[in-house]
C-alpha atoms as a PDB file:
ATOM      1  CA  MET A   1      75.817  74.642  84.054  1.00  0.00           C
ATOM      2  CA  GLU A   2      79.161  74.766  81.665  1.00  0.00           C
ATOM      3  CA  GLU A   3      81.065  71.689  81.890  1.00  0.00           C
ATOM      4  CA  ARG A   4      84.551  72.650  83.847  1.00  0.00           C
ATOM      5  CA  ILE A   5      87.900  72.543  82.647  1.00  0.00           C
ATOM      6  CA  THR A   6      90.674  69.763  84.315  1.00  0.00           C
ATOM      7  CA  VAL A   7      93.916  71.213  85.282  1.00  0.00           C
ATOM      8  CA  GLY A   8      97.109  69.450  86.569  1.00  0.00           C
ATOM      9  CA  ILE A   9      99.436  71.160  88.899  1.00  0.00           C
ATOM     10  CA  ALA A  10     102.911  70.191  88.279  1.00  0.00           C
ATOM     11  CA  SER A  11     103.969  71.167  91.826  1.00  0.00           C
ATOM     12  CA  PHE A  12     103.060  70.434  95.432  1.00  0.00           C
ATOM     13  CA  GLY A  13     105.458  72.992  97.247  1.00  0.00           C
ATOM     14  CA  MET A  14     104.469  76.199  98.695  1.00  0.00           C
ATOM     15  CA  SER A  15     102.711  78.175  95.383  1.00  0.00           C
ATOM     16  CA  GLY A  16     100.797  75.178  94.792  1.00  0.00           C
ATOM     17  CA  LYS A  17      99.669  74.509  98.484  1.00  0.00           C
ATOM     18  CA  VAL A  18      99.324  77.869  98.964  1.00  0.00           C
ATOM     19  CA  PHE A  19      97.758  79.507  95.797  1.00  0.00           C
ATOM     20  CA  HIS A  20      97.242  77.105  93.296  1.00  0.00           C
ATOM     21  CA  ALA A  21      95.306  74.268  94.745  1.00  0.00           C
ATOM     22  CA  PRO A  22      93.087  76.427  97.110  1.00  0.00           C
ATOM     23  CA  LEU A  23      92.326  79.040  94.180  1.00  0.00           C
ATOM     24  CA  VAL A  24      91.345  76.489  91.088  1.00  0.00           C
ATOM     25  CA  SER A  25      89.539  73.598  94.056  1.00  0.00           C
ATOM     26  CA  HIS A  26      87.389  76.107  94.858  1.00  0.00           C
ATOM     27  CA  HIS A  27      86.578  77.479  91.527  1.00  0.00           C
ATOM     28  CA  LYS A  28      83.202  76.295  89.632  1.00  0.00           C
ATOM     29  CA  ASN A  29      85.189  76.276  86.112  1.00  0.00           C
ATOM     30  CA  PHE A  30      87.940  74.119  87.106  1.00  0.00           C
ATOM     31  CA  ARG A  31      88.724  70.718  88.561  1.00  0.00           C
ATOM     32  CA  ILE A  32      92.405  69.484  89.752  1.00  0.00           C
ATOM     33  CA  LYS A  33      92.662  65.552  88.397  1.00  0.00           C
ATOM     34  CA  ARG A  34      96.148  65.573  89.036  1.00  0.00           C
ATOM     35  CA  ILE A  35      98.951  67.161  91.511  1.00  0.00           C
ATOM     36  CA  VAL A  36     102.487  66.220  91.138  1.00  0.00           C
ATOM     37  CA  GLU A  37     104.423  65.548  94.635  1.00  0.00           C
ATOM     38  CA  ARG A  38     107.250  63.302  94.331  1.00  0.00           C
ATOM     39  CA  SER A  39     108.031  62.002  97.621  1.00  0.00           C
ATOM     40  CA  LYS A  40     105.093  63.362  99.870  1.00  0.00           C
ATOM     41  CA  ASP A  41     101.438  62.492 100.327  1.00  0.00           C
ATOM     42  CA  GLU A  42     100.089  66.001 101.398  1.00  0.00           C
ATOM     43  CA  ALA A  43      98.256  66.836  98.497  1.00  0.00           C
ATOM     44  CA  ARG A  44      96.345  63.525  98.776  1.00  0.00           C
ATOM     45  CA  MET A  45      95.522  64.035 102.473  1.00  0.00           C
ATOM     46  CA  LEU A  46      94.226  67.625 101.455  1.00  0.00           C
ATOM     47  CA  TYR A  47      92.410  66.502  98.482  1.00  0.00           C
ATOM     48  CA  PRO A  48      91.288  63.135  98.435  1.00  0.00           C
ATOM     49  CA  ASN A  49      89.407  63.001  95.315  1.00  0.00           C
ATOM     50  CA  ILE A  50      92.764  63.902  93.075  1.00  0.00           C
ATOM     51  CA  LEU A  51      95.058  61.602  91.707  1.00  0.00           C
ATOM     52  CA  LEU A  52      98.930  61.631  93.149  1.00  0.00           C
ATOM     53  CA  SER A  53     101.725  61.684  90.338  1.00  0.00           C
ATOM     54  CA  ARG A  54     105.406  61.159  90.792  1.00  0.00           C
ATOM     55  CA  SER A  55     106.054  63.105  87.916  1.00  0.00           C
ATOM     56  CA  ILE A  56     105.053  65.423  85.331  1.00  0.00           C
ATOM     57  CA  ASP A  57     104.841  62.794  82.606  1.00  0.00           C
ATOM     58  CA  ASP A  58     101.167  61.259  84.324  1.00  0.00           C
ATOM     59  CA  LEU A  59      99.960  65.413  83.562  1.00  0.00           C
ATOM     60  CA  LEU A  60     101.374  65.325  80.133  1.00  0.00           C
ATOM     61  CA  GLN A  61      99.711  61.618  79.246  1.00  0.00           C
ATOM     62  CA  ASP A  62      96.453  62.287  80.681  1.00  0.00           C
ATOM     63  CA  SER A  63      94.523  63.187  77.864  1.00  0.00           C
ATOM     64  CA  GLU A  64      91.831  64.852  79.791  1.00  0.00           C
ATOM     65  CA  ILE A  65      93.914  67.546  81.645  1.00  0.00           C
ATOM     66  CA  GLU A  66      94.034  70.589  79.827  1.00  0.00           C
ATOM     67  CA  VAL A  67      95.451  72.854  81.510  1.00  0.00           C
ATOM     68  CA  ILE A  68      99.022  72.280  83.356  1.00  0.00           C
ATOM     69  CA  ILE A  69     100.330  75.102  86.066  1.00  0.00           C
ATOM     70  CA  VAL A  70     104.418  75.033  86.187  1.00  0.00           C
ATOM     71  CA  ASN A  71     104.829  75.506  89.383  1.00  0.00           C
ATOM     72  CA  THR A  72     108.376  74.387  89.741  1.00  0.00           C
ATOM     73  CA  PRO A  73     111.348  76.027  91.039  1.00  0.00           C
ATOM     74  CA  ASP A  74     112.230  78.685  88.581  1.00  0.00           C
ATOM     75  CA  GLN A  75     115.032  77.218  86.659  1.00  0.00           C
ATOM     76  CA  THR A  76     113.252  74.651  85.922  1.00  0.00           C
ATOM     77  CA  HIS A  77     110.245  76.616  84.142  1.00  0.00           C
ATOM     78  CA  TYR A  78     111.119  76.971  80.913  1.00  0.00           C
ATOM     79  CA  LYS A  79     112.032  73.374  80.225  1.00  0.00           C
ATOM     80  CA  LEU A  80     108.465  72.167  81.711  1.00  0.00           C
ATOM     81  CA  ALA A  81     106.466  74.938  80.076  1.00  0.00           C
ATOM     82  CA  LYS A  82     107.698  73.873  76.662  1.00  0.00           C
ATOM     83  CA  GLN A  83     106.913  70.055  77.164  1.00  0.00           C
ATOM     84  CA  CYS A  84     103.299  71.110  78.249  1.00  0.00           C
ATOM     85  CA  LEU A  85     102.850  73.366  75.282  1.00  0.00           C
ATOM     86  CA  ASP A  86     104.568  70.186  73.294  1.00  0.00           C
ATOM     87  CA  ALA A  87     102.122  68.107  74.706  1.00  0.00           C
ATOM     88  CA  GLY A  88      99.389  70.020  73.790  1.00  0.00           C
ATOM     89  CA  LYS A  89      98.242  71.789  76.839  1.00  0.00           C
ATOM     90  CA  HIS A  90      97.818  75.107  77.624  1.00  0.00           C
ATOM     91  CA  VAL A  91     100.149  76.532  80.387  1.00  0.00           C
ATOM     92  CA  ILE A  92     100.401  78.575  83.252  1.00  0.00           C
ATOM     93  CA  VAL A  93     103.514  79.112  84.398  1.00  0.00           C
ATOM     94  CA  GLU A  94     104.231  80.500  88.073  1.00  0.00           C
ATOM     95  CA  LYS A  95     106.128  83.894  88.302  1.00  0.00           C
ATOM     96  CA  PRO A  96     109.069  84.612  86.805  1.00  0.00           C
ATOM     97  CA  PHE A  97     108.251  83.224  83.861  1.00  0.00           C
ATOM     98  CA  THR A  98     111.372  82.392  82.666  1.00  0.00           C
ATOM     99  CA  GLN A  99     114.999  83.366  83.555  1.00  0.00           C
ATOM    100  CA  THR A 100     115.811  84.467  80.431  1.00  0.00           C
ATOM    101  CA  VAL A 101     113.970  86.438  77.460  1.00  0.00           C
ATOM    102  CA  LEU A 102     115.620  84.322  74.704  1.00  0.00           C
ATOM    103  CA  GLN A 103     113.733  81.654  76.724  1.00  0.00           C
ATOM    104  CA  GLY A 104     110.841  83.252  77.131  1.00  0.00           C
ATOM    105  CA  ASN A 105     110.513  84.438  73.403  1.00  0.00           C
ATOM    106  CA  GLU A 106     110.636  80.536  72.473  1.00  0.00           C
ATOM    107  CA  LEU A 107     107.637  79.369  75.019  1.00  0.00           C
ATOM    108  CA  ILE A 108     105.568  82.350  73.101  1.00  0.00           C
ATOM    109  CA  GLU A 109     106.452  81.558  69.774  1.00  0.00           C
ATOM    110  CA  LEU A 110     105.864  77.667  70.403  1.00  0.00           C
ATOM    111  CA  ALA A 111     102.328  78.404  72.109  1.00  0.00           C
ATOM    112  CA  GLN A 112     101.057  80.213  69.237  1.00  0.00           C
ATOM    113  CA  GLN A 113     102.368  77.621  66.885  1.00  0.00           C
ATOM    114  CA  LYS A 114     100.452  74.939  69.387  1.00  0.00           C
ATOM    115  CA  GLY A 115      97.635  77.287  68.960  1.00  0.00           C
ATOM    116  CA  LYS A 116      97.980  77.122  72.938  1.00  0.00           C
ATOM    117  CA  ILE A 117      96.932  79.161  75.650  1.00  0.00           C
ATOM    118  CA  LEU A 118     100.215  80.929  78.095  1.00  0.00           C
ATOM    119  CA  SER A 119      99.747  83.026  80.770  1.00  0.00           C
ATOM    120  CA  VAL A 120     101.858  83.830  83.750  1.00  0.00           C
ATOM    121  CA  PHE A 121     100.193  83.934  87.553  1.00  0.00           C
ATOM    122  CA  GLN A 122     101.645  87.537  88.313  1.00  0.00           C
ATOM    123  CA  ASN A 123      98.911  87.323  91.106  1.00  0.00           C
ATOM    124  CA  ARG A 124      99.700  90.759  93.013  1.00  0.00           C
ATOM    125  CA  ARG A 125      98.033  92.426  90.217  1.00  0.00           C
ATOM    126  CA  TRP A 126      95.176  91.829  92.447  1.00  0.00           C
ATOM    127  CA  ASP A 127      96.664  92.559  96.016  1.00  0.00           C
ATOM    128  CA  GLY A 128      94.250  95.026  97.656  1.00  0.00           C
ATOM    129  CA  ASP A 129      96.956  97.750  98.384  1.00  0.00           C
ATOM    130  CA  PHE A 130      97.770  97.913  94.481  1.00  0.00           C
ATOM    131  CA  LEU A 131      94.346  97.428  93.231  1.00  0.00           C
ATOM    132  CA  THR A 132      93.703 100.387  95.969  1.00  0.00           C
ATOM    133  CA  VAL A 133      96.959 102.422  94.633  1.00  0.00           C
ATOM    134  CA  GLN A 134      95.355 102.001  90.721  1.00  0.00           C
ATOM    135  CA  HIS A 135      92.213 103.191  91.964  1.00  0.00           C
ATOM    136  CA  ILE A 136      93.562 106.490  93.417  1.00  0.00           C
ATOM    137  CA  LEU A 137      95.614 107.283  90.143  1.00  0.00           C
ATOM    138  CA  ASP A 138      93.007 106.658  88.253  1.00  0.00           C
ATOM    139  CA  GLU A 139      90.777 108.737  89.777  1.00  0.00           C
ATOM    140  CA  LYS A 140      93.564 111.408  89.943  1.00  0.00           C
ATOM    141  CA  LEU A 141      93.234 111.862  93.615  1.00  0.00           C
ATOM    142  CA  LEU A 142      97.067 113.206  93.423  1.00  0.00           C
ATOM    143  CA  GLY A 143      96.812 115.390  90.727  1.00  0.00           C
ATOM    144  CA  ARG A 144      99.733 114.272  88.414  1.00  0.00           C
ATOM    145  CA  LEU A 145     101.623 111.612  89.755  1.00  0.00           C
ATOM    146  CA  VAL A 146     105.125 112.506  90.211  1.00  0.00           C
ATOM    147  CA  ASP A 147     106.978 109.863  92.661  1.00  0.00           C
ATOM    148  CA  TYR A 148     106.063 106.280  93.371  1.00  0.00           C
ATOM    149  CA  GLU A 149     107.972 104.064  95.527  1.00  0.00           C
ATOM    150  CA  ALA A 150     107.053 100.741  96.269  1.00  0.00           C
ATOM    151  CA  HIS A 151     108.661  98.343  98.585  1.00  0.00           C
ATOM    152  CA  PHE A 152     108.589  94.906  98.894  1.00  0.00           C
ATOM    153  CA  ASP A 153     110.537  94.045 102.552  1.00  0.00           C
ATOM    154  CA  ARG A 154     111.057  91.105 104.787  1.00  0.00           C
ATOM    155  CA  TYR A 155     113.097  90.041 108.117  1.00  0.00           C
ATOM    156  CA  LYS A 156     114.653  86.727 107.174  1.00  0.00           C
ATOM    157  CA  ASN A 157     118.356  87.300 108.388  1.00  0.00           C
ATOM    158  CA  ILE A 158     119.330  83.464 108.637  1.00  0.00           C
ATOM    159  CA  VAL A 159     119.937  82.399 105.685  1.00  0.00           C
ATOM    160  CA  PRO A 160     117.728  79.194 105.094  1.00  0.00           C
ATOM    161  CA  GLN A 161     120.249  75.628 103.796  1.00  0.00           C
ATOM    162  CA  ASN A 162     117.644  73.503 102.483  1.00  0.00           C
ATOM    163  CA  THR A 163     116.078  75.301  99.861  1.00  0.00           C
ATOM    164  CA  TRP A 164     116.946  75.743  96.174  1.00  0.00           C
ATOM    165  CA  LYS A 165     115.561  79.909  96.211  1.00  0.00           C
ATOM    166  CA  GLU A 166     118.555  80.977  98.368  1.00  0.00           C
ATOM    167  CA  ARG A 167     121.486  78.686  96.204  1.00  0.00           C
ATOM    168  CA  ALA A 168     123.761  80.636  93.531  1.00  0.00           C
ATOM    169  CA  SER A 169     123.122  77.481  90.694  1.00  0.00           C
ATOM    170  CA  SER A 170     119.497  78.244  90.923  1.00  0.00           C
ATOM    171  CA  GLY A 171     119.769  81.603  89.409  1.00  0.00           C
ATOM    172  CA  THR A 172     117.262  83.007  91.447  1.00  0.00           C
ATOM    173  CA  GLY A 173     117.392  85.822  93.968  1.00  0.00           C
ATOM    174  CA  ALA A 174     115.144  88.468  95.512  1.00  0.00           C
ATOM    175  CA  LEU A 175     115.147  90.541  91.964  1.00  0.00           C
ATOM    176  CA  TYR A 176     113.423  87.432  90.599  1.00  0.00           C
ATOM    177  CA  ASN A 177     111.292  86.052  93.259  1.00  0.00           C
ATOM    178  CA  LEU A 178     109.966  89.607  94.751  1.00  0.00           C
ATOM    179  CA  GLY A 179     111.469  91.928  91.733  1.00  0.00           C
ATOM    180  CA  SER A 180     109.151  90.051  89.239  1.00  0.00           C
ATOM    181  CA  HIS A 181     105.976  91.136  91.157  1.00  0.00           C
ATOM    182  CA  MET A 182     107.022  94.738  91.794  1.00  0.00           C
ATOM    183  CA  ILE A 183     108.133  95.320  88.238  1.00  0.00           C
ATOM    184  CA  ASP A 184     104.914  94.013  86.990  1.00  0.00           C
ATOM    185  CA  GLN A 185     103.092  96.092  89.410  1.00  0.00           C
ATOM    186  CA  ALA A 186     105.017  99.533  87.951  1.00  0.00           C
ATOM    187  CA  LEU A 187     104.380  97.902  84.074  1.00  0.00           C
ATOM    188  CA  VAL A 188     100.750  97.399  84.655  1.00  0.00           C
ATOM    189  CA  LEU A 189     100.662 101.263  85.968  1.00  0.00           C
ATOM    190  CA  PHE A 190     103.193 103.145  83.696  1.00  0.00           C
ATOM    191  CA  GLY A 191     104.075 100.896  80.380  1.00  0.00           C
ATOM    192  CA  MET A 192     107.845 100.205  79.492  1.00  0.00           C
ATOM    193  CA  PRO A 193     110.317 102.448  80.860  1.00  0.00           C
ATOM    194  CA  GLU A 194     112.922 104.436  78.946  1.00  0.00           C
ATOM    195  CA  ALA A 195     115.634 103.155  80.968  1.00  0.00           C
ATOM    196  CA  VAL A 196     116.420 101.208  84.260  1.00  0.00           C
ATOM    197  CA  THR A 197     119.399 101.942  86.894  1.00  0.00           C
ATOM    198  CA  SER A 198     120.007  99.688  89.767  1.00  0.00           C
ATOM    199  CA  VAL A 199     122.141  98.061  92.637  1.00  0.00           C
ATOM    200  CA  LEU A 200     121.876  94.996  93.358  1.00  0.00           C
ATOM    201  CA  LYS A 201     123.480  93.129  96.742  1.00  0.00           C
ATOM    202  CA  ILE A 202     124.329  90.119  98.988  1.00  0.00           C
ATOM    203  CA  MET A 203     123.699  91.675 102.232  1.00  0.00           C
ATOM    204  CA  ARG A 204     122.728  89.147 105.011  1.00  0.00           C
ATOM    205  CA  THR A 205     125.914  86.376 105.785  1.00  0.00           C
ATOM    206  CA  GLY A 206     126.254  83.634 104.526  1.00  0.00           C
ATOM    207  CA  GLY A 207     123.879  84.647 101.448  1.00  0.00           C
ATOM    208  CA  GLU A 208     124.344  83.352  97.925  1.00  0.00           C
ATOM    209  CA  VAL A 209     121.736  85.105  95.975  1.00  0.00           C
ATOM    210  CA  ASP A 210     120.869  88.584  95.738  1.00  0.00           C
ATOM    211  CA  ASP A 211     118.720  89.930  99.200  1.00  0.00           C
ATOM    212  CA  TRP A 212     118.549  93.678  98.440  1.00  0.00           C
ATOM    213  CA  TYR A 213     117.736  95.906  95.264  1.00  0.00           C
ATOM    214  CA  ASP A 214     117.278  99.046  94.385  1.00  0.00           C
ATOM    215  CA  ILE A 215     115.833  99.808  91.052  1.00  0.00           C
ATOM    216  CA  ILE A 216     114.929 103.145  89.305  1.00  0.00           C
ATOM    217  CA  LEU A 217     112.703 103.178  86.188  1.00  0.00           C
ATOM    218  CA  HIS A 218     113.161 105.991  84.085  1.00  0.00           C
ATOM    219  CA  TYR A 219     109.981 107.611  82.659  1.00  0.00           C
ATOM    220  CA  PRO A 220     109.952 111.122  81.549  1.00  0.00           C
ATOM    221  CA  HIS A 221     107.055 112.946  83.945  1.00  0.00           C
ATOM    222  CA  VAL A 222     107.363 110.151  86.985  1.00  0.00           C
ATOM    223  CA  ASN A 223     110.289 109.101  89.464  1.00  0.00           C
ATOM    224  CA  VAL A 224     109.698 105.336  89.794  1.00  0.00           C
ATOM    225  CA  ASN A 225     111.630 103.986  92.714  1.00  0.00           C
ATOM    226  CA  LEU A 226     111.284  99.922  93.205  1.00  0.00           C
ATOM    227  CA  LYS A 227     113.152  98.470  96.488  1.00  0.00           C
ATOM    228  CA  THR A 228     113.162  95.199  98.465  1.00  0.00           C
ATOM    229  CA  SER A 229     115.578  94.547 101.421  1.00  0.00           C
ATOM    230  CA  LEU A 230     115.376  90.716 103.452  1.00  0.00           C
ATOM    231  CA  LEU A 231     116.642  92.822 106.285  1.00  0.00           C
ATOM    232  CA  VAL A 232     113.838  95.262 107.805  1.00  0.00           C
ATOM    233  CA  LYS A 233     112.718  94.189 110.638  1.00  0.00           C
ATOM    234  CA  GLU A 234     110.790  97.244 111.239  1.00  0.00           C
ATOM    235  CA  PRO A 235     108.924  98.022 107.983  1.00  0.00           C
ATOM    236  CA  GLY A 236     108.001 101.179 106.751  1.00  0.00           C
ATOM    237  CA  PRO A 237     105.625 101.691 103.824  1.00  0.00           C
ATOM    238  CA  ARG A 238     104.846  99.790 101.129  1.00  0.00           C
ATOM    239  CA  TYR A 239     103.766 102.311  98.623  1.00  0.00           C
ATOM    240  CA  ILE A 240     104.856 105.919  98.945  1.00  0.00           C
ATOM    241  CA  LEU A 241     102.721 108.230  95.908  1.00  0.00           C
ATOM    242  CA  HIS A 242     103.020 111.708  95.440  1.00  0.00           C
ATOM    243  CA  GLY A 243     101.063 113.950  92.808  1.00  0.00           C
ATOM    244  CA  THR A 244     100.782 117.565  92.044  1.00  0.00           C
ATOM    245  CA  GLN A 245      97.704 117.610  94.460  1.00  0.00           C
ATOM    246  CA  GLY A 246      98.289 115.348  97.254  1.00  0.00           C
ATOM    247  CA  SER A 247     100.101 112.380  98.786  1.00  0.00           C
ATOM    248  CA  PHE A 248      99.054 108.293  99.690  1.00  0.00           C
ATOM    249  CA  LEU A 249     100.840 106.095 102.143  1.00  0.00           C
ATOM    250  CA  LYS A 250     100.405 102.295 102.308  1.00  0.00           C
ATOM    251  CA  TRP A 251     102.054 100.227 105.043  1.00  0.00           C
ATOM    252  CA  GLY A 252     100.858  96.370 105.743  1.00  0.00           C
ATOM    253  CA  LEU A 253     100.610  93.561 102.950  1.00  0.00           C
ATOM    254  CA  ASP A 254      97.800  92.005 101.171  1.00  0.00           C
ATOM    255  CA  PRO A 255      95.774  89.478 103.441  1.00  0.00           C
ATOM    256  CA  GLN A 256      95.084  87.276 100.925  1.00  0.00           C
ATOM    257  CA  GLU A 257      98.567  85.132 101.313  1.00  0.00           C
ATOM    258  CA  GLU A 258      98.298  84.429 104.824  1.00  0.00           C
ATOM    259  CA  THR A 259      94.462  83.945 105.077  1.00  0.00           C
ATOM    260  CA  LEU A 260      95.277  81.090 102.109  1.00  0.00           C
ATOM    261  CA  LYS A 261      97.924  79.171 104.956  1.00  0.00           C
ATOM    262  CA  GLN A 262      95.205  79.048 107.462  1.00  0.00           C
ATOM    263  CA  GLY A 263      92.594  76.959 105.182  1.00  0.00           C
ATOM    264  CA  LYS A 264      90.241  79.769 104.270  1.00  0.00           C
ATOM    265  CA  ASN A 265      87.634  79.700 101.686  1.00  0.00           C
ATOM    266  CA  PRO A 266      88.063  82.504  99.076  1.00  0.00           C
ATOM    267  CA  ASN A 267      85.007  82.580  98.327  1.00  0.00           C
ATOM    268  CA  ASP A 268      83.999  83.679 101.331  1.00  0.00           C
ATOM    269  CA  PRO A 269      82.245  87.267 100.541  1.00  0.00           C
ATOM    270  CA  ASP A 270      84.918  88.969 102.694  1.00  0.00           C
ATOM    271  CA  TRP A 271      87.677  87.548 101.615  1.00  0.00           C
ATOM    272  CA  GLY A 272      90.729  89.752 100.676  1.00  0.00           C
ATOM    273  CA  ARG A 273      89.405  92.964 102.732  1.00  0.00           C
ATOM    274  CA  GLU A 274      91.943  94.290 104.959  1.00  0.00           C
ATOM    275  CA  SER A 275      91.161  95.929 108.717  1.00  0.00           C
ATOM    276  CA  GLU A 276      90.935  99.168 108.864  1.00  0.00           C
ATOM    277  CA  GLU A 277      94.384  99.762 110.969  1.00  0.00           C
ATOM    278  CA  TRP A 278      96.214  99.353 107.421  1.00  0.00           C
ATOM    279  CA  TRP A 279      93.914 101.408 105.235  1.00  0.00           C
ATOM    280  CA  GLY A 280      96.464 104.155 103.786  1.00  0.00           C
ATOM    281  CA  THR A 281      96.859 107.617 104.500  1.00  0.00           C
ATOM    282  CA  LEU A 282      95.247 110.010 101.497  1.00  0.00           C
ATOM    283  CA  ASN A 283      96.124 113.418 101.896  1.00  0.00           C
ATOM    284  CA  THR A 284      94.689 115.886  98.742  1.00  0.00           C
ATOM    285  CA  GLU A 285      93.863 118.548  97.526  1.00  0.00           C
ATOM    286  CA  LYS A 286      91.835 117.123  95.181  1.00  0.00           C
ATOM    287  CA  GLU A 287      88.329 117.151  97.039  1.00  0.00           C
ATOM    288  CA  GLY A 288      89.336 120.446  99.375  1.00  0.00           C
ATOM    289  CA  VAL A 289      92.003 120.083 101.673  1.00  0.00           C
ATOM    290  CA  THR A 290      91.558 116.711 103.247  1.00  0.00           C
ATOM    291  CA  GLN A 291      93.956 114.157 105.473  1.00  0.00           C
ATOM    292  CA  ARG A 292      92.130 110.613 105.905  1.00  0.00           C
ATOM    293  CA  LYS A 293      92.107 107.079 106.174  1.00  0.00           C
ATOM    294  CA  TYR A 294      91.386 105.388 102.470  1.00  0.00           C
ATOM    295  CA  GLU A 295      89.655 102.112 102.352  1.00  0.00           C
ATOM    296  CA  THR A 296      91.802  99.479 100.936  1.00  0.00           C
ATOM    297  CA  LEU A 297      89.747  97.360  98.188  1.00  0.00           C
ATOM    298  CA  PRO A 298      89.302  93.944  98.437  1.00  0.00           C
ATOM    299  CA  GLY A 299      92.513  91.786  96.923  1.00  0.00           C
ATOM    300  CA  ASN A 300      91.393  88.911  94.731  1.00  0.00           C
ATOM    301  CA  TYR A 301      93.603  86.267  93.699  1.00  0.00           C
ATOM    302  CA  SER A 302      90.638  84.302  92.223  1.00  0.00           C
ATOM    303  CA  ALA A 303      89.887  86.693  89.575  1.00  0.00           C
ATOM    304  CA  PHE A 304      93.395  85.761  87.862  1.00  0.00           C
ATOM    305  CA  TYR A 305      91.437  82.284  86.797  1.00  0.00           C
ATOM    306  CA  ASP A 306      87.876  84.457  86.031  1.00  0.00           C
ATOM    307  CA  ALA A 307      89.589  85.944  83.293  1.00  0.00           C
ATOM    308  CA  LEU A 308      91.916  82.481  82.574  1.00  0.00           C
ATOM    309  CA  TYR A 309      88.386  80.496  82.161  1.00  0.00           C
ATOM    310  CA  GLU A 310      87.342  82.957  79.865  1.00  0.00           C
ATOM    311  CA  SER A 311      90.094  83.035  77.984  1.00  0.00           C
ATOM    312  CA  ILE A 312      90.100  79.352  77.056  1.00  0.00           C
ATOM    313  CA  ALA A 313      86.613  79.143  77.161  1.00  0.00           C
ATOM    314  CA  HIS A 314      85.217  81.977  75.405  1.00  0.00           C
ATOM    315  CA  GLY A 315      88.842  83.502  73.292  1.00  0.00           C
ATOM    316  CA  LYS A 316      88.802  86.245  75.680  1.00  0.00           C
ATOM    317  CA  GLU A 317      91.791  88.105  76.847  1.00  0.00           C
ATOM    318  CA  LEU A 318      94.570  86.742  78.974  1.00  0.00           C
ATOM    319  CA  PRO A 319      94.564  87.694  82.312  1.00  0.00           C
ATOM    320  CA  VAL A 320      98.471  88.546  82.150  1.00  0.00           C
ATOM    321  CA  LYS A 321      99.412  87.973  78.168  1.00  0.00           C
ATOM    322  CA  PRO A 322     102.831  86.044  78.199  1.00  0.00           C
ATOM    323  CA  GLU A 323     104.450  89.154  76.064  1.00  0.00           C
ATOM    324  CA  GLU A 324     103.873  91.422  79.075  1.00  0.00           C
ATOM    325  CA  ALA A 325     105.640  88.880  81.718  1.00  0.00           C
ATOM    326  CA  LEU A 326     108.395  88.924  79.141  1.00  0.00           C
ATOM    327  CA  ASN A 327     108.624  92.332  79.861  1.00  0.00           C
ATOM    328  CA  VAL A 328     109.244  91.561  83.261  1.00  0.00           C
ATOM    329  CA  ILE A 329     112.159  89.333  82.414  1.00  0.00           C
ATOM    330  CA  ARG A 330     113.430  92.099  79.976  1.00  0.00           C
ATOM    331  CA  ILE A 331     113.785  94.831  82.880  1.00  0.00           C
ATOM    332  CA  ILE A 332     115.369  92.105  85.024  1.00  0.00           C
ATOM    333  CA  GLU A 333     117.634  91.173  82.931  1.00  0.00           C
ATOM    334  CA  ALA A 334     118.553  95.206  81.931  1.00  0.00           C
ATOM    335  CA  VAL A 335     118.688  95.441  86.478  1.00  0.00           C
ATOM    336  CA  GLN A 336     121.206  93.093  86.655  1.00  0.00           C
ATOM    337  CA  LYS A 337     123.564  94.363  83.550  1.00  0.00           C
ATOM    338  CA  SER A 338     122.736  97.942  85.148  1.00  0.00           C
ATOM    339  CA  SER A 339     124.453  96.541  88.680  1.00  0.00           C
ATOM    340  CA  LYS A 340     127.154  94.362  86.805  1.00  0.00           C
ATOM    341  CA  THR A 341     128.300  97.890  84.892  1.00  0.00           C
ATOM    342  CA  ARG A 342     127.133 100.657  87.424  1.00  0.00           C
ATOM    343  CA  THR A 343     125.591 102.443  84.215  1.00  0.00           C
ATOM    344  CA  THR A 344     122.317 103.175  83.093  1.00  0.00           C
ATOM    345  CA  ILE A 345     120.889 100.676  80.280  1.00  0.00           C
ATOM    346  CA  VAL A 346     118.536 102.384  77.881  1.00  0.00           C
ATOM    347  CA  LEU A 347     116.211 100.240  76.742  1.00  0.00           C
ATOM    348  CA  SER A 348     115.475  99.649  72.598  1.00  0.00           C
END
């Protein structure tokens, strides 16, 4: 058995508690040595064999730690990732990668100078519904795709007062939080668009950050539309795909996040499987005229860490290249400019 890679987690907020700690702790090729928790002791209660740190300095000074997961508030990603790379650590950054393209470029150059791996946890590439959409398009079950519409809607009609995510000073909002997932998925499917047209709004009473957006990514032969609202009590389809030979509609949200919150093991053989009631509807002429439920492929967030291990141990391709994550930030900047100027932004 190969030696496990030692990991430090920079924060034990939602992403550390729900995603990274469970996924890493159950992975045969990684071990968590330290988790930073600045005031509470929840990490030690859940993972009694780890060391609890009160600052990121402990991670940087621990020579055994090879990989640091930077899953702190968005506005700190650049600064802390830079510190970790300077300290000679491989770095995994929680999405969004950075807040500006300039910051992202600097981190990529620094990682190359240091000879260290830099990747971004774009976990929703491994949502079961998105994997199913990829499969349907790869198999050309809709013929030539004409329309791709994706939604990531939630219902949060009360603005929380105790979270940095709702403060204008944090430089975040729905676009960085949810849009970074949706844009990344679109880029995986279609590559970089020619242009961006978008509208960003604050729709909730007392809101400080954007909570509604409508983004059009311009491609020559397919219409791509990404939408989010935090005031959707009754959600419609998450994915709406129309092609020259059929359509696919998919409701619901991948179950992995909820399952992780319940403390279940990501190595379970039924992990990521969705109940039949949430399977999408495929109506196609590709196999004769048929309309039927189409089984959702199992989601698998652990695939990110599988590929990360192969990258570190054997030099294989990264699960998410930093240049890909930087393109997400490039699109986010274009979305902001388009909304502010009420124009279409052509990308070079």
